[in-house]
Amino acid sequence: MEARIQKWGNSSGIRIPSSILKSLNIKTNDILTIEQEDDKIIISIPKKKKISLEDKFKDYNGKNLAKEFSWDKDVGKEIW
């Protein structure tokens, strides 16, 4: 398949056919990795890093970081 590089604002862009995007489950605004290898441009889906529960809480010091919350007055049909 050939594609043409076109002007896109101050940059250049290439369109990826929707059939390829669908088959790879890539959606608008997804992040992709772009690399150059010799005379090739390689576009790939980045591997998701698995973060352990231990890593998620490594900087947690045991304090509740939430600020005091105000419910204010009802402004609509809220039911409390």
N, C-alpha and C. Protein backbone atom coordinates (compact mmCIF):
# COMPACT_ATOMS: atom_id res chain seq x y z
N MET A 1 0.85 -1.17 0.00
CA MET A 1 0.00 0.00 0.00
C MET A 1 0.89 1.23 0.00
N GLU A 2 0.56 2.18 -0.81
CA GLU A 2 1.28 3.45 -0.84
C GLU A 2 0.40 4.54 -0.25
N ALA A 3 1.04 5.54 0.33
CA ALA A 3 0.32 6.68 0.90
C ALA A 3 1.12 7.94 0.61
N ARG A 4 0.44 9.04 0.53
CA ARG A 4 1.08 10.32 0.24
C ARG A 4 1.21 11.14 1.53
N ILE A 5 2.37 11.72 1.74
CA ILE A 5 2.57 12.63 2.88
C ILE A 5 1.97 13.97 2.48
N GLN A 6 1.12 14.52 3.35
CA GLN A 6 0.44 15.77 3.05
C GLN A 6 0.68 16.78 4.16
N LYS A 7 0.55 18.05 3.81
CA LYS A 7 0.70 19.14 4.76
C LYS A 7 -0.45 19.08 5.76
N TRP A 8 -0.15 19.24 7.05
CA TRP A 8 -1.15 19.20 8.10
C TRP A 8 -0.75 20.25 9.12
N GLY A 9 -1.27 21.47 8.97
CA GLY A 9 -0.84 22.58 9.81
C GLY A 9 0.62 22.90 9.50
N ASN A 10 1.45 22.99 10.53
CA ASN A 10 2.88 23.23 10.34
C ASN A 10 3.66 21.93 10.18
N SER A 11 2.97 20.81 10.19
CA SER A 11 3.62 19.50 10.11
C SER A 11 3.20 18.79 8.82
N SER A 12 3.68 17.59 8.69
CA SER A 12 3.25 16.73 7.60
C SER A 12 2.59 15.50 8.20
N GLY A 13 1.64 14.91 7.50
CA GLY A 13 0.92 13.77 8.04
C GLY A 13 0.63 12.74 6.97
N ILE A 14 0.26 11.59 7.42
CA ILE A 14 -0.12 10.49 6.54
C ILE A 14 -1.42 9.91 7.08
N ARG A 15 -2.32 9.55 6.20
CA ARG A 15 -3.60 8.97 6.62
C ARG A 15 -3.47 7.46 6.68
N ILE A 16 -4.01 6.89 7.75
CA ILE A 16 -4.01 5.44 7.92
C ILE A 16 -5.42 4.95 7.62
N PRO A 17 -5.57 4.02 6.70
CA PRO A 17 -6.91 3.55 6.34
C PRO A 17 -7.68 3.00 7.54
N SER A 18 -8.98 3.24 7.55
CA SER A 18 -9.81 2.81 8.68
C SER A 18 -9.81 1.30 8.85
N SER A 19 -9.64 0.55 7.77
CA SER A 19 -9.61 -0.91 7.90
C SER A 19 -8.41 -1.37 8.74
N ILE A 20 -7.28 -0.70 8.59
CA ILE A 20 -6.10 -1.03 9.39
C ILE A 20 -6.33 -0.63 10.84
N LEU A 21 -6.87 0.57 11.06
CA LEU A 21 -7.14 1.03 12.42
C LEU A 21 -8.11 0.09 13.13
N LYS A 22 -9.16 -0.33 12.44
CA LYS A 22 -10.14 -1.24 13.04
C LYS A 22 -9.52 -2.58 13.38
N SER A 23 -8.70 -3.11 12.47
CA SER A 23 -8.12 -4.43 12.72
C SER A 23 -7.14 -4.41 13.89
N LEU A 24 -6.54 -3.25 14.17
CA LEU A 24 -5.61 -3.12 15.30
C LEU A 24 -6.27 -2.50 16.53
N ASN A 25 -7.57 -2.20 16.43
CA ASN A 25 -8.33 -1.59 17.52
C ASN A 25 -7.70 -0.26 17.96
N ILE A 26 -7.29 0.55 16.99
CA ILE A 26 -6.73 1.87 17.26
C ILE A 26 -7.83 2.89 17.02
N LYS A 27 -7.98 3.79 17.98
CA LYS A 27 -9.02 4.81 17.90
C LYS A 27 -8.40 6.20 17.87
N THR A 28 -9.19 7.18 17.47
CA THR A 28 -8.74 8.57 17.45
C THR A 28 -8.20 8.96 18.82
N ASN A 29 -7.08 9.65 18.83
CA ASN A 29 -6.38 10.15 20.03
C ASN A 29 -5.61 9.06 20.79
N ASP A 30 -5.57 7.83 20.30
CA ASP A 30 -4.71 6.82 20.91
C ASP A 30 -3.25 7.23 20.71
N ILE A 31 -2.39 6.84 21.62
CA ILE A 31 -0.96 7.12 21.54
C ILE A 31 -0.27 5.97 20.81
N LEU A 32 0.57 6.31 19.84
CA LEU A 32 1.35 5.31 19.13
C LEU A 32 2.83 5.66 19.25
N THR A 33 3.70 4.68 19.06
CA THR A 33 5.14 4.89 19.09
C THR A 33 5.63 4.99 17.65
N ILE A 34 6.46 6.00 17.36
CA ILE A 34 7.04 6.17 16.03
C ILE A 34 8.55 6.09 16.17
N GLU A 35 9.16 5.20 15.39
CA GLU A 35 10.61 5.01 15.43
C GLU A 35 11.16 4.99 14.01
N GLN A 36 12.42 5.37 13.89
CA GLN A 36 13.11 5.26 12.62
C GLN A 36 14.14 4.16 12.72
N GLU A 37 14.12 3.26 11.77
CA GLU A 37 15.09 2.18 11.72
C GLU A 37 15.65 2.15 10.30
N ASP A 38 16.88 2.62 10.15
CA ASP A 38 17.50 2.79 8.83
C ASP A 38 16.60 3.66 7.96
N ASP A 39 16.10 3.12 6.85
CA ASP A 39 15.26 3.91 5.96
C ASP A 39 13.78 3.62 6.15
N LYS A 40 13.41 3.11 7.34
CA LYS A 40 12.02 2.75 7.61
C LYS A 40 11.46 3.60 8.74
N ILE A 41 10.17 3.87 8.66
CA ILE A 41 9.42 4.49 9.75
C ILE A 41 8.54 3.39 10.32
N ILE A 42 8.67 3.13 11.60
CA ILE A 42 7.91 2.06 12.25
C ILE A 42 6.93 2.68 13.22
N ILE A 43 5.65 2.43 12.99
CA ILE A 43 4.58 2.91 13.87
C ILE A 43 4.03 1.70 14.58
N SER A 44 4.02 1.74 15.92
CA SER A 44 3.55 0.59 16.68
C SER A 44 2.72 1.03 17.88
N ILE A 45 1.96 0.08 18.40
CA ILE A 45 1.17 0.31 19.60
C ILE A 45 2.09 0.05 20.79
N PRO A 46 2.24 1.03 21.68
CA PRO A 46 3.14 0.81 22.83
C PRO A 46 2.60 -0.25 23.76
N LYS A 47 3.49 -1.01 24.35
CA LYS A 47 3.11 -2.03 25.33
C LYS A 47 2.69 -1.32 26.61
N LYS A 48 1.58 -1.75 27.17
CA LYS A 48 1.11 -1.17 28.42
C LYS A 48 1.94 -1.72 29.56
N LYS A 49 2.40 -0.81 30.41
CA LYS A 49 3.17 -1.23 31.57
C LYS A 49 2.21 -1.69 32.66
N LYS A 50 2.47 -2.84 33.22
CA LYS A 50 1.67 -3.33 34.33
C LYS A 50 2.30 -2.80 35.62
N ILE A 51 1.52 -2.03 36.36
CA ILE A 51 2.00 -1.45 37.61
C ILE A 51 1.40 -2.24 38.76
N SER A 52 2.25 -2.72 39.64
CA SER A 52 1.77 -3.50 40.77
C SER A 52 1.10 -2.58 41.79
N LEU A 53 0.29 -3.17 42.63
CA LEU A 53 -0.37 -2.42 43.69
C LEU A 53 0.67 -1.81 44.61
N GLU A 54 1.74 -2.52 44.84
CA GLU A 54 2.83 -2.01 45.68
C GLU A 54 3.44 -0.75 45.08
N ASP A 55 3.65 -0.74 43.77
CA ASP A 55 4.20 0.45 43.11
C ASP A 55 3.24 1.62 43.14
N LYS A 56 1.94 1.34 43.02
CA LYS A 56 0.95 2.41 43.05
C LYS A 56 0.93 3.12 44.39
N PHE A 57 1.22 2.39 45.46
CA PHE A 57 1.14 2.97 46.79
C PHE A 57 2.50 3.26 47.42
N LYS A 58 3.57 3.19 46.64
CA LYS A 58 4.91 3.34 47.22
C LYS A 58 5.14 4.71 47.85
N ASP A 59 4.50 5.77 47.33
CA ASP A 59 4.68 7.12 47.87
C ASP A 59 3.57 7.53 48.84
N TYR A 60 2.63 6.63 49.10
CA TYR A 60 1.52 6.93 49.99
C TYR A 60 2.02 6.93 51.44
N ASN A 61 1.72 8.02 52.16
CA ASN A 61 2.23 8.13 53.53
C ASN A 61 1.16 7.88 54.60
N GLY A 62 -0.02 7.42 54.21
CA GLY A 62 -1.04 7.07 55.17
C GLY A 62 -2.02 8.17 55.50
N LYS A 63 -1.77 9.37 55.01
CA LYS A 63 -2.70 10.47 55.29
C LYS A 63 -3.76 10.54 54.20
N ASN A 64 -4.96 10.96 54.61
CA ASN A 64 -6.03 11.18 53.64
C ASN A 64 -5.75 12.50 52.94
N LEU A 65 -5.54 12.47 51.64
CA LEU A 65 -5.17 13.67 50.91
C LEU A 65 -6.38 14.48 50.44
N ALA A 66 -7.59 13.98 50.67
CA ALA A 66 -8.79 14.69 50.23
C ALA A 66 -9.02 15.92 51.09
N LYS A 67 -9.44 16.98 50.44
CA LYS A 67 -9.78 18.23 51.14
C LYS A 67 -11.21 18.12 51.65
N GLU A 68 -11.55 19.00 52.59
CA GLU A 68 -12.92 19.03 53.10
C GLU A 68 -13.87 19.34 51.96
N PHE A 69 -15.03 18.70 51.96
CA PHE A 69 -15.97 18.83 50.86
C PHE A 69 -17.23 19.52 51.33
N SER A 70 -17.74 20.44 50.53
CA SER A 70 -18.97 21.16 50.85
C SER A 70 -20.07 20.72 49.88
N TRP A 71 -21.21 20.32 50.42
CA TRP A 71 -22.31 19.88 49.57
C TRP A 71 -23.12 21.05 49.03
N ASP A 72 -22.98 22.25 49.59
CA ASP A 72 -23.71 23.45 49.17
C ASP A 72 -25.22 23.20 49.22
N LYS A 73 -25.96 24.13 48.67
CA LYS A 73 -27.42 24.03 48.67
C LYS A 73 -27.88 23.31 47.40
N ASP A 74 -29.07 22.70 47.49
CA ASP A 74 -29.64 22.03 46.32
C ASP A 74 -29.94 23.08 45.25
N VAL A 75 -29.64 22.75 43.98
CA VAL A 75 -29.92 23.69 42.90
C VAL A 75 -30.88 23.09 41.87
N GLY A 76 -31.20 21.85 42.02
CA GLY A 76 -32.07 21.18 41.05
C GLY A 76 -32.96 20.18 41.76
N LYS A 77 -33.05 18.99 41.24
CA LYS A 77 -33.92 17.97 41.79
C LYS A 77 -33.11 16.88 42.51
N GLU A 78 -32.00 17.31 43.15
CA GLU A 78 -31.17 16.35 43.86
C GLU A 78 -31.96 15.71 45.00
N ILE A 79 -31.72 14.46 45.23
CA ILE A 79 -32.36 13.76 46.35
C ILE A 79 -31.25 13.26 47.25
N TRP A 80 -31.23 13.71 48.49
CA TRP A 80 -30.18 13.30 49.43
C TRP A 80 -30.79 12.58 50.58
